[in-house]
């Protein structure tokens, strides 16, 4: 796990360093591009700035969670920020925080009717919870995903995939998909 995390950090920093903006640091270039194209993407740009400066996945994730805290529970930007924060916490090895951020993102998706996104986020939360040795959160998230699998908005193949991944979590295995 440690090797792949380091490789991912290095790849992220190299991608930011390759930003073709003259006279600016990679973090500044990413921030400016994000703010110019979409003001709602400013938190992601600031998080990228933290990563470029000091490689702090956890600090970047915390910034994204704070951004989501200031938005409505069913706001799309908040949902995406929480999901990104969950992944960043996962890269930092803070699996408990990653699971809670993914669970919040899933709740937001469920409230807005984004069934497949919510189910995927619940299963991500369950996987992180297993890594963090938090079985109650893992079971709760897997059960929420199983309930979403009953939605008439899903195809039969999607239902089978969600149930299979949820069953894997409930059996104590990692839910990969």
C-alpha atoms as a PDB file:
ATOM      1  CA  UNK A   1       0.000   0.000   0.000  1.00  0.00           C
ATOM      2  CA  UNK A   2       2.799   2.423   0.888  1.00  0.00           C
ATOM      3  CA  UNK A   3       4.571   2.000  -2.477  1.00  0.00           C
ATOM      4  CA  UNK A   4       1.449   2.642  -4.498  1.00  0.00           C
ATOM      5  CA  UNK A   5       0.640   5.699  -2.353  1.00  0.00           C
ATOM      6  CA  UNK A   6       4.091   7.140  -2.954  1.00  0.00           C
ATOM      7  CA  UNK A   7       3.807   6.480  -6.679  1.00  0.00           C
ATOM      8  CA  UNK A   8       0.438   8.207  -6.714  1.00  0.00           C
ATOM      9  CA  UNK A   9       1.803  11.236  -4.863  1.00  0.00           C
ATOM     10  CA  UNK A  10       4.737  11.454  -7.247  1.00  0.00           C
ATOM     11  CA  UNK A  11       2.433  11.141 -10.279  1.00  0.00           C
ATOM     12  CA  UNK A  12       0.181  13.898  -8.928  1.00  0.00           C
ATOM     13  CA  UNK A  13       3.062  16.267  -8.295  1.00  0.00           C
ATOM     14  CA  UNK A  14       4.555  15.533 -11.724  1.00  0.00           C
ATOM     15  CA  UNK A  15       1.206  16.188 -13.379  1.00  0.00           C
ATOM     16  CA  UNK A  16       0.945  19.519 -11.606  1.00  0.00           C
ATOM     17  CA  UNK A  17       4.535  20.376 -12.477  1.00  0.00           C
ATOM     18  CA  UNK A  18       3.796  19.812 -16.162  1.00  0.00           C
ATOM     19  CA  UNK A  19       1.128  22.521 -16.191  1.00  0.00           C
ATOM     20  CA  UNK A  20       1.953  24.742 -19.203  1.00  0.00           C
ATOM     21  CA  UNK A  21       1.554  28.170 -17.607  1.00  0.00           C
ATOM     22  CA  UNK A  22       4.612  30.392 -17.802  1.00  0.00           C
ATOM     23  CA  UNK A  23       5.599  32.460 -14.812  1.00  0.00           C
ATOM     24  CA  UNK A  24       3.426  30.607 -12.331  1.00  0.00           C
ATOM     25  CA  UNK A  25       3.870  27.755  -9.939  1.00  0.00           C
ATOM     26  CA  UNK A  26       1.898  24.588 -10.691  1.00  0.00           C
ATOM     27  CA  UNK A  27      -0.397  25.220  -7.727  1.00  0.00           C
ATOM     28  CA  UNK A  28      -1.118  28.778  -8.837  1.00  0.00           C
ATOM     29  CA  UNK A  29      -1.751  27.662 -12.406  1.00  0.00           C
ATOM     30  CA  UNK A  30      -4.240  25.039 -11.297  1.00  0.00           C
ATOM     31  CA  UNK A  31      -5.978  27.504  -8.988  1.00  0.00           C
ATOM     32  CA  UNK A  32      -6.228  30.215 -11.630  1.00  0.00           C
ATOM     33  CA  UNK A  33      -7.503  27.806 -14.267  1.00  0.00           C
ATOM     34  CA  UNK A  34     -10.145  26.469 -11.893  1.00  0.00           C
ATOM     35  CA  UNK A  35     -11.334  29.895 -10.740  1.00  0.00           C
ATOM     36  CA  UNK A  36     -11.519  31.246 -14.282  1.00  0.00           C
ATOM     37  CA  UNK A  37     -13.490  28.327 -15.680  1.00  0.00           C
ATOM     38  CA  UNK A  38     -15.716  27.472 -12.728  1.00  0.00           C
ATOM     39  CA  UNK A  39     -15.833  29.364  -9.422  1.00  0.00           C
ATOM     40  CA  UNK A  40     -17.354  26.274  -7.791  1.00  0.00           C
ATOM     41  CA  UNK A  41     -14.083  24.416  -8.429  1.00  0.00           C
ATOM     42  CA  UNK A  42     -12.005  26.805  -6.309  1.00  0.00           C
ATOM     43  CA  UNK A  43     -11.806  24.378  -3.325  1.00  0.00           C
ATOM     44  CA  UNK A  44     -10.389  21.632  -5.528  1.00  0.00           C
ATOM     45  CA  UNK A  45      -7.849  24.094  -6.873  1.00  0.00           C
ATOM     46  CA  UNK A  46      -6.816  25.147  -3.364  1.00  0.00           C
ATOM     47  CA  UNK A  47      -6.546  21.495  -2.367  1.00  0.00           C
ATOM     48  CA  UNK A  48      -4.333  20.899  -5.399  1.00  0.00           C
ATOM     49  CA  UNK A  49      -2.236  23.813  -4.204  1.00  0.00           C
ATOM     50  CA  UNK A  50      -1.652  22.123  -0.858  1.00  0.00           C
ATOM     51  CA  UNK A  51      -0.649  18.951  -2.639  1.00  0.00           C
ATOM     52  CA  UNK A  52       1.772  20.772  -4.910  1.00  0.00           C
ATOM     53  CA  UNK A  53       3.360  22.723  -2.050  1.00  0.00           C
ATOM     54  CA  UNK A  54       3.816  20.108   0.619  1.00  0.00           C
ATOM     55  CA  UNK A  55       2.180  16.897  -0.572  1.00  0.00           C
ATOM     56  CA  UNK A  56      -0.336  16.934   2.265  1.00  0.00           C
ATOM     57  CA  UNK A  57      -3.240  14.728   1.214  1.00  0.00           C
ATOM     58  CA  UNK A  58      -4.866  15.052   4.612  1.00  0.00           C
ATOM     59  CA  UNK A  59      -4.696  18.842   4.641  1.00  0.00           C
ATOM     60  CA  UNK A  60      -6.177  19.013   1.145  1.00  0.00           C
ATOM     61  CA  UNK A  61      -8.965  16.643   2.193  1.00  0.00           C
ATOM     62  CA  UNK A  62      -9.729  18.714   5.270  1.00  0.00           C
ATOM     63  CA  UNK A  63     -10.063  21.807   3.099  1.00  0.00           C
ATOM     64  CA  UNK A  64     -12.570  19.986   0.878  1.00  0.00           C
ATOM     65  CA  UNK A  65     -14.594  18.806   3.887  1.00  0.00           C
ATOM     66  CA  UNK A  66     -14.722  22.363   5.231  1.00  0.00           C
ATOM     67  CA  UNK A  67     -15.961  23.536   1.845  1.00  0.00           C
ATOM     68  CA  UNK A  68     -18.701  20.880   1.914  1.00  0.00           C
ATOM     69  CA  UNK A  69     -19.661  21.872   5.461  1.00  0.00           C
ATOM     70  CA  UNK A  70     -20.540  25.338   4.205  1.00  0.00           C
ATOM     71  CA  UNK A  71     -22.869  24.051   1.492  1.00  0.00           C
ATOM     72  CA  UNK A  72     -26.356  22.543   1.545  1.00  0.00           C
ATOM     73  CA  UNK A  73     -26.436  18.760   2.217  1.00  0.00           C
ATOM     74  CA  UNK A  74     -27.752  18.016  -1.277  1.00  0.00           C
ATOM     75  CA  UNK A  75     -25.439  20.402  -3.156  1.00  0.00           C
ATOM     76  CA  UNK A  76     -23.650  18.711  -6.070  1.00  0.00           C
ATOM     77  CA  UNK A  77     -20.369  20.565  -5.483  1.00  0.00           C
ATOM     78  CA  UNK A  78     -20.381  19.536  -1.826  1.00  0.00           C
ATOM     79  CA  UNK A  79     -21.057  15.914  -2.765  1.00  0.00           C
ATOM     80  CA  UNK A  80     -18.152  15.878  -5.223  1.00  0.00           C
ATOM     81  CA  UNK A  81     -15.856  17.625  -2.735  1.00  0.00           C
ATOM     82  CA  UNK A  82     -16.666  15.035  -0.064  1.00  0.00           C
ATOM     83  CA  UNK A  83     -15.980  12.172  -2.449  1.00  0.00           C
ATOM     84  CA  UNK A  84     -12.650  13.716  -3.447  1.00  0.00           C
ATOM     85  CA  UNK A  85     -11.852  14.325   0.224  1.00  0.00           C
ATOM     86  CA  UNK A  86     -12.577  10.660   0.955  1.00  0.00           C
ATOM     87  CA  UNK A  87     -10.070   9.610  -1.677  1.00  0.00           C
ATOM     88  CA  UNK A  88      -7.471  12.071  -0.408  1.00  0.00           C
ATOM     89  CA  UNK A  89      -7.926  10.819   3.164  1.00  0.00           C
ATOM     90  CA  UNK A  90      -7.516   7.305   1.814  1.00  0.00           C
ATOM     91  CA  UNK A  91      -4.243   8.293   0.126  1.00  0.00           C
ATOM     92  CA  UNK A  92      -3.091   9.750   3.453  1.00  0.00           C
ATOM     93  CA  UNK A  93      -3.970   6.526   5.280  1.00  0.00           C
ATOM     94  CA  UNK A  94      -6.717   8.198   7.349  1.00  0.00           C
ATOM     95  CA  UNK A  95      -9.250   5.498   6.512  1.00  0.00           C
ATOM     96  CA  UNK A  96     -11.739   6.374   9.250  1.00  0.00           C
ATOM     97  CA  UNK A  97     -12.036   9.945   8.053  1.00  0.00           C
ATOM     98  CA  UNK A  98     -12.163   8.693   4.461  1.00  0.00           C
ATOM     99  CA  UNK A  99     -15.078   6.415   5.302  1.00  0.00           C
ATOM    100  CA  UNK A 100     -17.008   9.188   7.022  1.00  0.00           C
ATOM    101  CA  UNK A 101     -16.467  11.618   4.124  1.00  0.00           C
ATOM    102  CA  UNK A 102     -17.570   9.002   1.574  1.00  0.00           C
ATOM    103  CA  UNK A 103     -20.626   8.204   3.700  1.00  0.00           C
ATOM    104  CA  UNK A 104     -21.618  11.883   3.774  1.00  0.00           C
ATOM    105  CA  UNK A 105     -21.190  12.072   0.008  1.00  0.00           C
ATOM    106  CA  UNK A 106     -23.361   8.978  -0.394  1.00  0.00           C
ATOM    107  CA  UNK A 107     -26.072  10.449   1.815  1.00  0.00           C
ATOM    108  CA  UNK A 108     -26.105  13.545  -0.358  1.00  0.00           C
ATOM    109  CA  UNK A 109     -26.394  11.430  -3.499  1.00  0.00           C
ATOM    110  CA  UNK A 110     -29.217   9.423  -1.979  1.00  0.00           C
ATOM    111  CA  UNK A 111     -31.115  12.595  -1.059  1.00  0.00           C
ATOM    112  CA  UNK A 112     -30.877  13.902  -4.611  1.00  0.00           C
ATOM    113  CA  UNK A 113     -31.826  10.641  -6.325  1.00  0.00           C
ATOM    114  CA  UNK A 114     -28.400   9.831  -7.732  1.00  0.00           C
ATOM    115  CA  UNK A 115     -28.777   6.162  -6.966  1.00  0.00           C
ATOM    116  CA  UNK A 116     -25.704   4.703  -8.670  1.00  0.00           C
ATOM    117  CA  UNK A 117     -23.409   7.454  -7.364  1.00  0.00           C
ATOM    118  CA  UNK A 118     -24.811   7.017  -3.868  1.00  0.00           C
ATOM    119  CA  UNK A 119     -24.422   3.246  -3.937  1.00  0.00           C
ATOM    120  CA  UNK A 120     -20.836   3.531  -5.159  1.00  0.00           C
ATOM    121  CA  UNK A 121     -20.042   6.088  -2.450  1.00  0.00           C
ATOM    122  CA  UNK A 122     -21.649   3.896   0.240  1.00  0.00           C
ATOM    123  CA  UNK A 123     -19.535   0.972  -0.927  1.00  0.00           C
ATOM    124  CA  UNK A 124     -16.425   3.154  -0.924  1.00  0.00           C
ATOM    125  CA  UNK A 125     -17.295   4.220   2.620  1.00  0.00           C
ATOM    126  CA  UNK A 126     -17.711   0.583   3.607  1.00  0.00           C
ATOM    127  CA  UNK A 127     -14.337  -0.324   2.121  1.00  0.00           C
ATOM    128  CA  UNK A 128     -12.579   2.504   3.944  1.00  0.00           C
ATOM    129  CA  UNK A 129     -14.389   1.563   7.159  1.00  0.00           C
ATOM    130  CA  UNK A 130     -13.079  -1.994   6.850  1.00  0.00           C
ATOM    131  CA  UNK A 131      -9.551  -0.620   6.443  1.00  0.00           C
ATOM    132  CA  UNK A 132     -10.067   1.549   9.530  1.00  0.00           C
ATOM    133  CA  UNK A 133     -11.377  -1.417  11.528  1.00  0.00           C
ATOM    134  CA  UNK A 134     -14.769   0.265  11.970  1.00  0.00           C
ATOM    135  CA  UNK A 135     -17.184  -2.622  11.374  1.00  0.00           C
ATOM    136  CA  UNK A 136     -20.318  -0.703  12.372  1.00  0.00           C
ATOM    137  CA  UNK A 137     -19.782   1.952   9.710  1.00  0.00           C
ATOM    138  CA  UNK A 138     -18.869  -0.729   7.171  1.00  0.00           C
ATOM    139  CA  UNK A 139     -22.083  -2.677   7.812  1.00  0.00           C
ATOM    140  CA  UNK A 140     -24.252   0.452   7.876  1.00  0.00           C
ATOM    141  CA  UNK A 141     -22.809   1.682   4.550  1.00  0.00           C
ATOM    142  CA  UNK A 142     -23.094  -1.746   2.915  1.00  0.00           C
ATOM    143  CA  UNK A 143     -26.716  -2.050   4.034  1.00  0.00           C
ATOM    144  CA  UNK A 144     -27.508   1.392   2.630  1.00  0.00           C
ATOM    145  CA  UNK A 145     -26.013   0.313  -0.689  1.00  0.00           C
ATOM    146  CA  UNK A 146     -28.078  -2.871  -0.596  1.00  0.00           C
ATOM    147  CA  UNK A 147     -31.227  -0.843  -0.023  1.00  0.00           C
ATOM    148  CA  UNK A 148     -30.368   1.373  -2.968  1.00  0.00           C
ATOM    149  CA  UNK A 149     -29.970  -1.746  -5.109  1.00  0.00           C
ATOM    150  CA  UNK A 150     -33.753  -2.159  -4.913  1.00  0.00           C
ATOM    151  CA  UNK A 151     -34.310   1.098  -6.801  1.00  0.00           C
ATOM    152  CA  UNK A 152     -36.326   0.827 -10.016  1.00  0.00           C
ATOM    153  CA  UNK A 153     -33.904   3.346 -11.538  1.00  0.00           C
ATOM    154  CA  UNK A 154     -31.214   0.668 -11.784  1.00  0.00           C
ATOM    155  CA  UNK A 155     -30.765  -2.014 -14.397  1.00  0.00           C
ATOM    156  CA  UNK A 156     -30.613  -5.660 -13.404  1.00  0.00           C
ATOM    157  CA  UNK A 157     -26.846  -5.712 -13.977  1.00  0.00           C
ATOM    158  CA  UNK A 158     -26.358  -2.693 -11.716  1.00  0.00           C
ATOM    159  CA  UNK A 159     -28.466  -4.317  -8.986  1.00  0.00           C
ATOM    160  CA  UNK A 160     -26.427  -7.515  -9.143  1.00  0.00           C
ATOM    161  CA  UNK A 161     -23.125  -5.602  -9.020  1.00  0.00           C
ATOM    162  CA  UNK A 162     -24.179  -3.472  -6.045  1.00  0.00           C
ATOM    163  CA  UNK A 163     -25.547  -6.454  -4.123  1.00  0.00           C
ATOM    164  CA  UNK A 164     -22.390  -8.464  -4.808  1.00  0.00           C
ATOM    165  CA  UNK A 165     -20.128  -5.696  -3.574  1.00  0.00           C
ATOM    166  CA  UNK A 166     -22.331  -5.074  -0.516  1.00  0.00           C
ATOM    167  CA  UNK A 167     -22.367  -8.785   0.303  1.00  0.00           C
ATOM    168  CA  UNK A 168     -18.584  -8.830   0.072  1.00  0.00           C
ATOM    169  CA  UNK A 169     -18.401  -6.079   2.691  1.00  0.00           C
ATOM    170  CA  UNK A 170     -20.914  -7.810   4.931  1.00  0.00           C
ATOM    171  CA  UNK A 171     -18.861 -10.990   4.662  1.00  0.00           C
ATOM    172  CA  UNK A 172     -15.809  -9.018   5.799  1.00  0.00           C
ATOM    173  CA  UNK A 173     -14.016  -8.853   2.462  1.00  0.00           C
ATOM    174  CA  UNK A 174     -12.988  -5.695   0.666  1.00  0.00           C
ATOM    175  CA  UNK A 175     -15.604  -4.391  -1.744  1.00  0.00           C
ATOM    176  CA  UNK A 176     -13.885  -3.820  -5.029  1.00  0.00           C
ATOM    177  CA  UNK A 177     -15.688  -3.020  -8.168  1.00  0.00           C
END
